N, C-alpha and C. Protein backbone atom coordinates (compact mmCIF):
# COMPACT_ATOMS: atom_id res chain seq x y z
N UNK A 1 20.26 3.61 -3.79
CA UNK A 1 19.77 3.05 -5.09
C UNK A 1 19.10 2.27 -5.95
N UNK A 2 18.39 2.40 -7.13
CA UNK A 2 16.99 1.60 -7.18
C UNK A 2 18.05 0.29 -7.70
N UNK A 3 17.36 -0.82 -7.88
CA UNK A 3 18.17 -1.86 -8.15
C UNK A 3 17.00 -2.22 -9.08
N UNK A 4 17.27 -3.10 -10.29
CA UNK A 4 16.31 -3.72 -11.24
C UNK A 4 17.06 -5.50 -11.50
N UNK A 5 16.42 -6.41 -10.99
CA UNK A 5 16.52 -7.89 -10.71
C UNK A 5 15.63 -8.41 -11.29
N UNK A 6 15.98 -9.12 -12.24
CA UNK A 6 15.06 -10.48 -12.29
C UNK A 6 14.15 -10.78 -11.57
N UNK A 7 12.84 -11.29 -11.87
CA UNK A 7 11.78 -12.02 -10.46
C UNK A 7 12.43 -13.20 -10.55
N UNK A 8 13.19 -14.12 -11.21
CA UNK A 8 13.47 -15.40 -10.60
C UNK A 8 14.75 -15.13 -9.57
N UNK A 9 15.07 -13.95 -9.18
CA UNK A 9 16.04 -13.66 -8.10
C UNK A 9 15.41 -14.11 -6.80
N UNK A 10 13.98 -13.81 -6.87
CA UNK A 10 13.32 -13.99 -5.61
C UNK A 10 13.29 -15.49 -5.26
N UNK A 11 13.38 -16.44 -6.22
CA UNK A 11 13.69 -18.13 -5.59
C UNK A 11 15.17 -18.23 -6.00
N UNK A 12 16.03 -17.70 -6.83
CA UNK A 12 18.05 -17.93 -6.46
C UNK A 12 18.44 -17.25 -5.33
N UNK A 13 17.93 -15.99 -5.11
CA UNK A 13 18.96 -14.94 -4.31
C UNK A 13 17.95 -14.33 -3.10
N UNK A 14 16.73 -14.96 -2.99
CA UNK A 14 15.71 -14.20 -1.40
C UNK A 14 16.91 -13.65 -0.76
N UNK A 15 17.57 -14.22 -0.39
CA UNK A 15 18.04 -13.23 1.39
C UNK A 15 18.56 -11.57 0.85
N UNK A 16 19.54 -12.09 -0.52
CA UNK A 16 20.16 -10.74 -0.81
C UNK A 16 19.33 -10.02 -1.48
N UNK A 17 18.08 -10.25 -2.03
CA UNK A 17 16.74 -9.57 -2.29
C UNK A 17 16.30 -8.67 -1.55
N UNK A 18 16.16 -9.46 -0.36
CA UNK A 18 15.15 -9.31 0.89
C UNK A 18 16.56 -7.86 2.05
N UNK A 19 17.42 -7.97 1.29
CA UNK A 19 18.41 -6.90 1.97
C UNK A 19 18.26 -5.81 1.52
N UNK A 20 18.18 -6.05 -0.08
CA UNK A 20 18.25 -4.55 -1.02
C UNK A 20 17.26 -3.66 -0.73
N UNK A 21 16.02 -4.62 -0.80
CA UNK A 21 14.59 -4.31 -0.45
C UNK A 21 14.47 -3.45 0.69
N UNK A 22 15.38 -3.85 2.05
CA UNK A 22 15.23 -3.07 3.17
C UNK A 22 16.07 -2.06 3.30
N UNK A 23 16.81 -1.75 2.17
CA UNK A 23 17.35 -0.21 1.90
C UNK A 23 16.71 0.90 0.62
N UNK A 24 16.14 -0.06 -0.21
CA UNK A 24 15.64 0.78 -1.44
C UNK A 24 14.32 0.28 -1.77
N UNK A 25 13.49 0.06 -2.51
CA UNK A 25 12.74 -0.08 -3.69
C UNK A 25 13.59 -1.23 -4.46
N UNK A 26 12.94 -2.63 -4.98
CA UNK A 26 13.89 -3.64 -5.68
C UNK A 26 12.95 -3.64 -7.02
N UNK A 27 13.23 -3.44 -7.76
CA UNK A 27 11.90 -3.85 -8.95
C UNK A 27 12.55 -4.85 -9.91
N UNK A 28 11.29 -5.66 -9.76
CA UNK A 28 11.59 -7.01 -10.56
C UNK A 28 10.69 -7.22 -11.42
N UNK A 29 11.20 -7.71 -12.78
CA UNK A 29 11.10 -7.83 -13.83
C UNK A 29 10.50 -9.57 -14.65
N UNK A 30 10.06 -9.44 -14.80
CA UNK A 30 9.62 -10.90 -15.52
C UNK A 30 10.06 -11.00 -17.12
N UNK A 31 9.80 -12.38 -17.82
CA UNK A 31 10.37 -12.23 -19.11
C UNK A 31 9.09 -11.56 -20.16
N UNK A 32 8.17 -11.52 -19.69
CA UNK A 32 7.01 -10.68 -20.78
C UNK A 32 6.81 -9.33 -20.24
N UNK A 33 7.99 -8.74 -19.66
CA UNK A 33 7.86 -7.29 -19.43
C UNK A 33 7.11 -6.68 -18.75
N UNK A 34 6.69 -7.50 -17.62
CA UNK A 34 5.93 -6.97 -16.03
C UNK A 34 6.95 -6.71 -15.22
N UNK A 35 6.52 -5.61 -14.22
CA UNK A 35 7.59 -5.03 -13.78
C UNK A 35 6.64 -4.96 -11.78
N UNK A 36 7.51 -5.65 -11.34
CA UNK A 36 6.57 -5.61 -9.71
C UNK A 36 7.72 -4.36 -9.30
N UNK A 37 7.66 -4.54 -7.58
CA UNK A 37 8.38 -3.46 -6.71
C UNK A 37 8.22 -4.13 -5.35
N UNK A 38 9.35 -4.75 -4.54
CA UNK A 38 8.96 -5.23 -3.16
C UNK A 38 10.01 -4.09 -2.35
N UNK A 39 9.40 -3.78 -1.44
CA UNK A 39 9.91 -2.93 -0.47
C UNK A 39 9.16 -3.06 0.63
N UNK A 40 10.25 -2.36 1.86
CA UNK A 40 9.35 -2.66 3.30
C UNK A 40 8.18 -2.37 3.02
N UNK A 41 7.32 -2.87 4.43
CA UNK A 41 5.99 -2.59 4.62
C UNK A 41 6.45 -0.74 5.26
N UNK A 42 7.41 -0.60 5.88
CA UNK A 42 7.05 1.21 6.17
C UNK A 42 7.11 1.71 4.68
N UNK A 43 8.28 1.72 3.92
CA UNK A 43 7.94 2.38 2.69
C UNK A 43 6.56 2.24 2.56
N UNK A 44 5.74 1.25 2.17
CA UNK A 44 4.58 1.15 1.42
C UNK A 44 3.88 1.94 2.45
N UNK A 45 3.62 2.01 3.45
CA UNK A 45 2.92 2.87 4.44
C UNK A 45 3.16 4.23 3.73
N UNK A 46 4.15 4.40 3.79
CA UNK A 46 4.35 5.95 3.52
C UNK A 46 3.89 6.55 2.11
N UNK A 47 4.01 5.38 1.39
CA UNK A 47 3.75 5.79 -0.15
C UNK A 47 2.01 5.71 -0.45
N UNK A 48 1.08 4.61 0.70
CA UNK A 48 -0.59 4.75 0.93
C UNK A 48 -0.77 6.24 1.79
N UNK A 49 -0.05 6.23 2.99
CA UNK A 49 -0.38 7.93 3.45
C UNK A 49 -0.63 8.50 2.37
N UNK A 50 1.26 9.01 1.15
CA UNK A 50 0.90 10.12 0.46
C UNK A 50 -0.36 10.13 -0.28
N UNK A 51 -0.74 8.83 -0.73
CA UNK A 51 -2.10 8.44 -1.69
C UNK A 51 -3.16 9.39 -0.99
N UNK A 52 -3.18 9.26 0.41
CA UNK A 52 -4.57 9.14 1.11
C UNK A 52 -4.41 10.97 1.35
N UNK A 53 -5.48 11.57 0.78
CA UNK A 53 -5.77 12.85 0.68
C UNK A 53 -6.64 13.05 2.29
N UNK A 54 -6.51 14.36 2.75
CA UNK A 54 -7.41 14.79 4.20
C UNK A 54 -9.14 14.32 3.52
N UNK A 55 -9.10 15.13 2.24
CA UNK A 55 -10.91 14.74 1.92
C UNK A 55 -10.95 13.59 1.75
N UNK A 56 -10.45 12.48 1.31
CA UNK A 56 -10.50 11.42 1.43
C UNK A 56 -10.66 11.23 2.55
N UNK A 57 -9.95 11.09 3.86
CA UNK A 57 -10.14 10.53 5.12
C UNK A 57 -11.56 11.38 5.53
N UNK A 58 -11.56 12.49 5.51
CA UNK A 58 -12.78 13.19 5.98
C UNK A 58 -14.17 11.97 5.36
N UNK A 59 -14.31 12.07 4.23
CA UNK A 59 -15.43 11.29 3.82
C UNK A 59 -15.21 10.13 4.15
N UNK A 60 -14.34 9.63 4.44
CA UNK A 60 -14.62 8.17 4.93
C UNK A 60 -15.16 7.96 6.26
N UNK A 61 -14.90 9.17 7.19
CA UNK A 61 -15.04 9.69 8.43
C UNK A 61 -17.08 9.64 8.31
N UNK A 62 -17.15 10.32 7.74
CA UNK A 62 -18.66 10.85 7.31
C UNK A 62 -19.48 9.11 7.12
N UNK A 63 -18.79 8.74 6.45
CA UNK A 63 -19.30 7.65 5.72
C UNK A 63 -19.36 6.45 6.76
N UNK A 64 -18.51 6.88 7.63
CA UNK A 64 -18.15 5.59 8.88
C UNK A 64 -19.53 5.74 9.79
N UNK A 65 -19.50 7.76 10.20
CA UNK A 65 -20.63 7.71 11.04
C UNK A 65 -21.75 7.48 10.30
N UNK A 66 -22.11 7.17 9.26
CA UNK A 66 -23.77 6.80 8.90
C UNK A 66 -23.65 5.43 9.09
N UNK A 67 -22.64 5.20 9.06
CA UNK A 67 -23.08 3.20 9.33
C UNK A 67 -22.63 2.69 8.00
N UNK A 68 -21.47 3.18 7.12
CA UNK A 68 -21.20 2.37 6.08
C UNK A 68 -20.57 1.48 6.29
N UNK A 69 -20.32 0.22 5.70
CA UNK A 69 -19.55 -0.83 5.93
C UNK A 69 -17.85 -0.30 5.13
N UNK A 70 -16.99 -1.29 5.57
CA UNK A 70 -15.68 -1.04 4.92
C UNK A 70 -15.82 -1.34 3.58
N UNK A 71 -16.77 -2.47 3.35
CA UNK A 71 -16.96 -2.66 1.91
C UNK A 71 -17.56 -1.73 1.21
N UNK A 72 -18.26 -1.01 1.68
CA UNK A 72 -19.43 -0.17 0.68
C UNK A 72 -18.16 0.98 0.55
N UNK A 73 -17.29 1.30 2.07
CA UNK A 73 -16.52 2.28 1.55
C UNK A 73 -15.87 2.49 0.36
N UNK A 74 -15.54 1.13 0.44
CA UNK A 74 -14.65 0.96 -0.58
C UNK A 74 -15.00 0.83 -2.12
N UNK A 75 -15.84 -0.02 -1.83
CA UNK A 75 -16.91 0.71 -3.46
C UNK A 75 -17.06 1.46 -4.03
N UNK A 76 -17.17 2.43 -3.04
CA UNK A 76 -17.76 4.06 -3.16
C UNK A 76 -16.52 4.58 -3.55
N UNK A 77 -15.53 4.42 -3.11
CA UNK A 77 -13.91 5.22 -2.99
C UNK A 77 -13.07 4.17 -4.75
N UNK A 78 -13.75 3.06 -4.71
CA UNK A 78 -13.32 2.41 -6.02
C UNK A 78 -11.67 2.42 -5.41
N UNK A 79 -11.39 1.15 -4.31
CA UNK A 79 -10.60 1.29 -3.82
C UNK A 79 -10.88 0.11 -3.00
N UNK A 80 -9.66 -0.72 -1.81
CA UNK A 80 -9.69 -1.76 -1.57
C UNK A 80 -10.34 -1.35 0.29
N UNK A 81 -11.22 -2.89 0.37
CA UNK A 81 -11.01 -2.81 2.13
C UNK A 81 -10.21 -2.76 2.74
N UNK A 82 -8.82 -2.58 2.49
CA UNK A 82 -7.70 -2.88 3.08
C UNK A 82 -6.97 -1.18 3.36
N UNK A 83 -7.62 -0.65 2.00
CA UNK A 83 -6.95 0.98 2.15
C UNK A 83 -7.74 1.51 2.66
N UNK A 84 -9.10 1.45 3.14
CA UNK A 84 -9.73 1.79 3.68
C UNK A 84 -9.61 1.74 5.51
N UNK A 85 -9.18 0.31 5.45
CA UNK A 85 -8.61 0.11 7.11
C UNK A 85 -7.36 1.05 7.68
N UNK A 86 -6.70 1.26 6.48
CA UNK A 86 -5.64 2.24 6.98
C UNK A 86 -5.91 3.59 7.12
N UNK A 87 -6.82 3.97 5.95
CA UNK A 87 -7.43 5.43 6.20
C UNK A 87 -8.20 5.61 8.01
N UNK A 88 -8.70 4.23 7.94
CA UNK A 88 -9.84 4.48 9.59
C UNK A 88 -8.41 4.35 10.74
N UNK A 89 -7.42 3.40 10.32
CA UNK A 89 -6.76 3.52 11.30
C UNK A 89 -5.54 4.61 11.77
N UNK A 90 -5.68 5.65 10.55
CA UNK A 90 -4.53 7.30 10.86
C UNK A 90 -5.78 8.09 10.95
N UNK A 91 -6.96 7.90 11.42
CA UNK A 91 -7.74 8.95 11.78
C UNK A 91 -7.17 8.72 13.35
N UNK A 92 -7.83 10.39 13.86
CA UNK A 92 -7.86 10.63 14.87
C UNK A 92 -8.61 9.56 15.73
N UNK A 93 -8.34 8.98 16.96
CA UNK A 93 -9.84 8.26 17.69
C UNK A 93 -11.18 8.82 17.62
N UNK A 94 -10.95 10.61 17.86
CA UNK A 94 -12.74 11.15 17.87
C UNK A 94 -13.36 11.24 16.85
N UNK A 95 -12.58 10.97 15.78
CA UNK A 95 -13.10 10.95 14.51
C UNK A 95 -13.88 9.62 13.87
N UNK A 96 -13.82 8.73 14.67
CA UNK A 96 -14.16 7.55 14.03
C UNK A 96 -15.78 6.95 14.59
């Protein structure tokens, strides 16, 4: 079940929020209307993997073969170097 909590709970009730995030994403809100999501790394990787299309992975593989750096690839794809690293780590070893 989705939980919505004030962001102050990170300070006031951290252990409880951590336990809840272990079961399902927790939405944290602040006083000015921003919303943040706290989830496990496993859940995040599932979401990041779902965003990564086969075409994007193929493009990253080709650019790596051409000698492009992760930074150059990230700028080309308008993403972050961390996302590029995740894509590279998801690729079968023969493609890298």
